[in-house]
């Protein structure tokens, strides 16, 4: 029988590979979770700006030529409404138009410089429930951070399940 000599450094290196690999996976997962948090935070910044009637903050959450489209099902079929940025910002700034939009259970996907958010929401205008639906936001990473490039939503005035967030604050 031949006497085998094993280099202790080789043993340490081989045993370290799973630990190093696990650490790299954990670092990637943490980085992705951070990016997802930033993406979701950008959408929330827009909602917060809407509630505060703050068009300056809203402008920081969207790109200059953001696409804003709502859809609704009517007895005559689907209706689409495309809103330009100026009209959207005017509605945010209107003193007679108090808005509260809340989201929950968001699904966030990030790949490189693009991201999507798909989330149920409810919308309250002037303290009264208006509608619910699904928000679908596409975001791009800019030198200044994540910005919404397009926001598409369904507007469903009836058939809404109660929000898991409970009633809105007064």
C-alpha atoms as a PDB file:
ATOM      1  CA  UNK A   1       0.000   0.000   0.000  1.00  0.00           C
ATOM      2  CA  UNK A   2       1.281   3.358  -0.975  1.00  0.00           C
ATOM      3  CA  UNK A   3       1.371   6.127   1.601  1.00  0.00           C
ATOM      4  CA  UNK A   4      -0.642   9.091   0.299  1.00  0.00           C
ATOM      5  CA  UNK A   5       0.331  12.524   1.444  1.00  0.00           C
ATOM      6  CA  UNK A   6      -2.430  15.120   1.294  1.00  0.00           C
ATOM      7  CA  UNK A   7      -1.570  18.764   1.162  1.00  0.00           C
ATOM      8  CA  UNK A   8      -3.460  20.433   4.043  1.00  0.00           C
ATOM      9  CA  UNK A   9      -3.851  23.646   2.025  1.00  0.00           C
ATOM     10  CA  UNK A  10      -5.553  21.691  -0.743  1.00  0.00           C
ATOM     11  CA  UNK A  11      -7.969  20.159   1.771  1.00  0.00           C
ATOM     12  CA  UNK A  12      -8.799  23.614   3.195  1.00  0.00           C
ATOM     13  CA  UNK A  13      -9.291  25.015  -0.314  1.00  0.00           C
ATOM     14  CA  UNK A  14     -11.590  22.166  -1.347  1.00  0.00           C
ATOM     15  CA  UNK A  15     -13.628  22.398   1.844  1.00  0.00           C
ATOM     16  CA  UNK A  16     -13.928  26.187   1.462  1.00  0.00           C
ATOM     17  CA  UNK A  17     -15.480  26.078  -2.018  1.00  0.00           C
ATOM     18  CA  UNK A  18     -19.053  25.409  -0.802  1.00  0.00           C
ATOM     19  CA  UNK A  19     -18.744  28.157   1.818  1.00  0.00           C
ATOM     20  CA  UNK A  20     -17.401  30.658  -0.705  1.00  0.00           C
ATOM     21  CA  UNK A  21     -20.065  29.699  -3.251  1.00  0.00           C
ATOM     22  CA  UNK A  22     -22.815  29.984  -0.633  1.00  0.00           C
ATOM     23  CA  UNK A  23     -21.499  33.409   0.352  1.00  0.00           C
ATOM     24  CA  UNK A  24     -21.506  34.557  -3.255  1.00  0.00           C
ATOM     25  CA  UNK A  25     -25.090  33.343  -3.729  1.00  0.00           C
ATOM     26  CA  UNK A  26     -26.126  35.096  -0.512  1.00  0.00           C
ATOM     27  CA  UNK A  27     -24.426  38.321  -1.658  1.00  0.00           C
ATOM     28  CA  UNK A  28     -26.237  38.155  -5.017  1.00  0.00           C
ATOM     29  CA  UNK A  29     -29.567  37.480  -3.271  1.00  0.00           C
ATOM     30  CA  UNK A  30     -28.982  40.403  -0.886  1.00  0.00           C
ATOM     31  CA  UNK A  31     -28.070  42.695  -3.791  1.00  0.00           C
ATOM     32  CA  UNK A  32     -31.209  41.620  -5.677  1.00  0.00           C
ATOM     33  CA  UNK A  33     -33.378  42.164  -2.596  1.00  0.00           C
ATOM     34  CA  UNK A  34     -31.867  45.640  -2.251  1.00  0.00           C
ATOM     35  CA  UNK A  35     -32.572  46.429  -5.913  1.00  0.00           C
ATOM     36  CA  UNK A  36     -36.134  45.124  -5.562  1.00  0.00           C
ATOM     37  CA  UNK A  37     -36.568  47.362  -2.514  1.00  0.00           C
ATOM     38  CA  UNK A  38     -35.322  50.402  -4.473  1.00  0.00           C
ATOM     39  CA  UNK A  39     -37.650  49.584  -7.370  1.00  0.00           C
ATOM     40  CA  UNK A  40     -40.680  49.200  -5.106  1.00  0.00           C
ATOM     41  CA  UNK A  41     -39.621  52.335  -3.245  1.00  0.00           C
ATOM     42  CA  UNK A  42     -39.729  54.317  -6.483  1.00  0.00           C
ATOM     43  CA  UNK A  43     -43.342  53.298  -7.106  1.00  0.00           C
ATOM     44  CA  UNK A  44     -44.188  54.159  -3.504  1.00  0.00           C
ATOM     45  CA  UNK A  45     -42.495  57.565  -3.940  1.00  0.00           C
ATOM     46  CA  UNK A  46     -44.888  58.292  -6.797  1.00  0.00           C
ATOM     47  CA  UNK A  47     -47.893  57.294  -4.670  1.00  0.00           C
ATOM     48  CA  UNK A  48     -46.597  59.419  -1.775  1.00  0.00           C
ATOM     49  CA  UNK A  49     -46.125  62.373  -4.144  1.00  0.00           C
ATOM     50  CA  UNK A  50     -49.694  61.945  -5.384  1.00  0.00           C
ATOM     51  CA  UNK A  51     -51.022  61.977  -1.802  1.00  0.00           C
ATOM     52  CA  UNK A  52     -48.917  65.057  -0.973  1.00  0.00           C
ATOM     53  CA  UNK A  53     -49.867  66.827  -4.231  1.00  0.00           C
ATOM     54  CA  UNK A  54     -46.138  67.166  -4.835  1.00  0.00           C
ATOM     55  CA  UNK A  55     -45.358  67.338  -8.548  1.00  0.00           C
ATOM     56  CA  UNK A  56     -41.651  67.905  -7.886  1.00  0.00           C
ATOM     57  CA  UNK A  57     -41.420  64.582  -6.038  1.00  0.00           C
ATOM     58  CA  UNK A  58     -43.581  62.919  -8.709  1.00  0.00           C
ATOM     59  CA  UNK A  59     -41.191  64.179 -11.401  1.00  0.00           C
ATOM     60  CA  UNK A  60     -38.299  62.484  -9.585  1.00  0.00           C
ATOM     61  CA  UNK A  61     -40.117  59.135  -9.713  1.00  0.00           C
ATOM     62  CA  UNK A  62     -40.802  59.090 -13.472  1.00  0.00           C
ATOM     63  CA  UNK A  63     -38.879  59.637 -16.682  1.00  0.00           C
ATOM     64  CA  UNK A  64     -39.655  62.737 -18.741  1.00  0.00           C
ATOM     65  CA  UNK A  65     -41.751  60.926 -21.339  1.00  0.00           C
ATOM     66  CA  UNK A  66     -43.466  58.467 -18.998  1.00  0.00           C
ATOM     67  CA  UNK A  67     -46.342  56.477 -20.477  1.00  0.00           C
ATOM     68  CA  UNK A  68     -49.505  56.440 -18.333  1.00  0.00           C
ATOM     69  CA  UNK A  69     -52.404  54.223 -19.437  1.00  0.00           C
ATOM     70  CA  UNK A  70     -55.501  53.047 -17.624  1.00  0.00           C
ATOM     71  CA  UNK A  71     -57.884  50.349 -18.775  1.00  0.00           C
ATOM     72  CA  UNK A  72     -61.426  49.604 -17.722  1.00  0.00           C
ATOM     73  CA  UNK A  73     -64.037  47.085 -18.730  1.00  0.00           C
ATOM     74  CA  UNK A  74     -67.393  48.629 -19.611  1.00  0.00           C
ATOM     75  CA  UNK A  75     -70.657  47.237 -20.952  1.00  0.00           C
ATOM     76  CA  UNK A  76     -69.476  48.418 -24.375  1.00  0.00           C
ATOM     77  CA  UNK A  77     -66.134  46.623 -24.034  1.00  0.00           C
ATOM     78  CA  UNK A  78     -62.663  47.614 -22.927  1.00  0.00           C
ATOM     79  CA  UNK A  79     -61.776  51.299 -22.683  1.00  0.00           C
ATOM     80  CA  UNK A  80     -58.228  52.625 -22.645  1.00  0.00           C
ATOM     81  CA  UNK A  81     -57.239  56.086 -21.446  1.00  0.00           C
ATOM     82  CA  UNK A  82     -53.731  57.387 -22.163  1.00  0.00           C
ATOM     83  CA  UNK A  83     -52.699  60.328 -20.030  1.00  0.00           C
ATOM     84  CA  UNK A  84     -49.773  62.608 -20.778  1.00  0.00           C
ATOM     85  CA  UNK A  85     -47.385  63.728 -18.071  1.00  0.00           C
ATOM     86  CA  UNK A  86     -48.715  67.299 -17.949  1.00  0.00           C
ATOM     87  CA  UNK A  87     -52.315  66.131 -17.417  1.00  0.00           C
ATOM     88  CA  UNK A  88     -51.197  63.650 -14.771  1.00  0.00           C
ATOM     89  CA  UNK A  89     -49.194  66.288 -12.910  1.00  0.00           C
ATOM     90  CA  UNK A  90     -52.099  68.756 -13.134  1.00  0.00           C
ATOM     91  CA  UNK A  91     -54.361  66.166 -11.498  1.00  0.00           C
ATOM     92  CA  UNK A  92     -51.777  65.633  -8.744  1.00  0.00           C
ATOM     93  CA  UNK A  93     -51.468  69.375  -8.090  1.00  0.00           C
ATOM     94  CA  UNK A  94     -55.211  70.081  -8.103  1.00  0.00           C
ATOM     95  CA  UNK A  95     -56.305  71.330  -4.676  1.00  0.00           C
ATOM     96  CA  UNK A  96     -59.741  69.766  -5.218  1.00  0.00           C
ATOM     97  CA  UNK A  97     -58.300  66.339  -5.991  1.00  0.00           C
ATOM     98  CA  UNK A  98     -57.002  64.482  -2.934  1.00  0.00           C
ATOM     99  CA  UNK A  99     -55.526  61.088  -3.942  1.00  0.00           C
ATOM    100  CA  UNK A 100     -54.483  58.059  -1.943  1.00  0.00           C
ATOM    101  CA  UNK A 101     -53.190  54.982  -3.735  1.00  0.00           C
ATOM    102  CA  UNK A 102     -52.099  51.933  -1.744  1.00  0.00           C
ATOM    103  CA  UNK A 103     -50.422  48.757  -2.964  1.00  0.00           C
ATOM    104  CA  UNK A 104     -49.727  45.358  -1.413  1.00  0.00           C
ATOM    105  CA  UNK A 105     -48.392  41.924  -2.340  1.00  0.00           C
ATOM    106  CA  UNK A 106     -46.199  43.389  -5.071  1.00  0.00           C
ATOM    107  CA  UNK A 107     -44.245  41.127  -7.379  1.00  0.00           C
ATOM    108  CA  UNK A 108     -40.958  42.749  -8.376  1.00  0.00           C
ATOM    109  CA  UNK A 109     -38.611  41.538 -11.110  1.00  0.00           C
ATOM    110  CA  UNK A 110     -35.210  43.076 -11.791  1.00  0.00           C
ATOM    111  CA  UNK A 111     -32.753  42.289 -14.552  1.00  0.00           C
ATOM    112  CA  UNK A 112     -29.869  44.621 -15.220  1.00  0.00           C
ATOM    113  CA  UNK A 113     -31.235  48.090 -15.861  1.00  0.00           C
ATOM    114  CA  UNK A 114     -34.923  47.168 -16.136  1.00  0.00           C
ATOM    115  CA  UNK A 115     -37.527  46.203 -13.586  1.00  0.00           C
ATOM    116  CA  UNK A 116     -41.240  45.511 -13.340  1.00  0.00           C
ATOM    117  CA  UNK A 117     -43.708  45.827 -10.498  1.00  0.00           C
ATOM    118  CA  UNK A 118     -47.086  44.065 -10.614  1.00  0.00           C
ATOM    119  CA  UNK A 119     -49.311  44.837  -7.654  1.00  0.00           C
ATOM    120  CA  UNK A 120     -52.919  45.012  -6.544  1.00  0.00           C
ATOM    121  CA  UNK A 121     -53.959  48.462  -5.348  1.00  0.00           C
ATOM    122  CA  UNK A 122     -56.849  50.532  -4.100  1.00  0.00           C
ATOM    123  CA  UNK A 123     -57.447  54.167  -4.910  1.00  0.00           C
ATOM    124  CA  UNK A 124     -59.277  56.780  -2.870  1.00  0.00           C
ATOM    125  CA  UNK A 125     -60.231  60.218  -4.160  1.00  0.00           C
ATOM    126  CA  UNK A 126     -61.179  62.993  -1.726  1.00  0.00           C
ATOM    127  CA  UNK A 127     -61.380  60.465   1.111  1.00  0.00           C
ATOM    128  CA  UNK A 128     -63.790  58.149  -0.720  1.00  0.00           C
ATOM    129  CA  UNK A 129     -63.079  54.786  -2.328  1.00  0.00           C
ATOM    130  CA  UNK A 130     -62.860  55.219  -6.104  1.00  0.00           C
ATOM    131  CA  UNK A 131     -61.607  51.939  -7.527  1.00  0.00           C
ATOM    132  CA  UNK A 132     -59.150  49.077  -7.230  1.00  0.00           C
ATOM    133  CA  UNK A 133     -57.166  47.082  -9.747  1.00  0.00           C
ATOM    134  CA  UNK A 134     -53.709  46.033 -10.775  1.00  0.00           C
ATOM    135  CA  UNK A 135     -50.793  48.409 -11.334  1.00  0.00           C
ATOM    136  CA  UNK A 136     -48.095  47.261 -13.759  1.00  0.00           C
ATOM    137  CA  UNK A 137     -45.037  49.519 -13.720  1.00  0.00           C
ATOM    138  CA  UNK A 138     -41.947  49.270 -15.904  1.00  0.00           C
ATOM    139  CA  UNK A 139     -38.877  50.973 -14.532  1.00  0.00           C
ATOM    140  CA  UNK A 140     -35.426  51.802 -15.844  1.00  0.00           C
ATOM    141  CA  UNK A 141     -32.273  52.411 -13.872  1.00  0.00           C
ATOM    142  CA  UNK A 142     -30.835  55.849 -14.577  1.00  0.00           C
ATOM    143  CA  UNK A 143     -27.722  57.544 -13.268  1.00  0.00           C
ATOM    144  CA  UNK A 144     -30.017  59.052 -10.617  1.00  0.00           C
ATOM    145  CA  UNK A 145     -31.636  55.743  -9.642  1.00  0.00           C
ATOM    146  CA  UNK A 146     -34.770  53.866 -10.650  1.00  0.00           C
ATOM    147  CA  UNK A 147     -37.480  55.765 -12.558  1.00  0.00           C
ATOM    148  CA  UNK A 148     -40.890  54.701 -13.829  1.00  0.00           C
ATOM    149  CA  UNK A 149     -40.934  54.521 -17.637  1.00  0.00           C
ATOM    150  CA  UNK A 150     -44.533  53.330 -17.912  1.00  0.00           C
ATOM    151  CA  UNK A 151     -47.442  52.729 -15.629  1.00  0.00           C
ATOM    152  CA  UNK A 152     -50.478  50.776 -16.789  1.00  0.00           C
ATOM    153  CA  UNK A 153     -53.392  50.032 -14.503  1.00  0.00           C
ATOM    154  CA  UNK A 154     -56.844  48.557 -14.450  1.00  0.00           C
ATOM    155  CA  UNK A 155     -59.589  50.714 -12.963  1.00  0.00           C
ATOM    156  CA  UNK A 156     -62.221  48.510 -11.349  1.00  0.00           C
ATOM    157  CA  UNK A 157     -64.902  50.436  -9.451  1.00  0.00           C
ATOM    158  CA  UNK A 158     -66.773  47.302  -8.356  1.00  0.00           C
ATOM    159  CA  UNK A 159     -65.956  43.749  -7.373  1.00  0.00           C
ATOM    160  CA  UNK A 160     -62.980  44.774  -5.246  1.00  0.00           C
ATOM    161  CA  UNK A 161     -61.896  42.566  -2.390  1.00  0.00           C
ATOM    162  CA  UNK A 162     -61.288  44.395   0.868  1.00  0.00           C
ATOM    163  CA  UNK A 163     -57.754  45.716   1.085  1.00  0.00           C
ATOM    164  CA  UNK A 164     -55.486  43.746   3.407  1.00  0.00           C
ATOM    165  CA  UNK A 165     -54.259  47.178   4.545  1.00  0.00           C
ATOM    166  CA  UNK A 166     -57.628  47.899   6.147  1.00  0.00           C
ATOM    167  CA  UNK A 167     -59.443  51.178   5.798  1.00  0.00           C
ATOM    168  CA  UNK A 168     -57.364  54.180   4.825  1.00  0.00           C
ATOM    169  CA  UNK A 169     -56.372  56.640   7.538  1.00  0.00           C
ATOM    170  CA  UNK A 170     -58.652  59.648   7.928  1.00  0.00           C
END
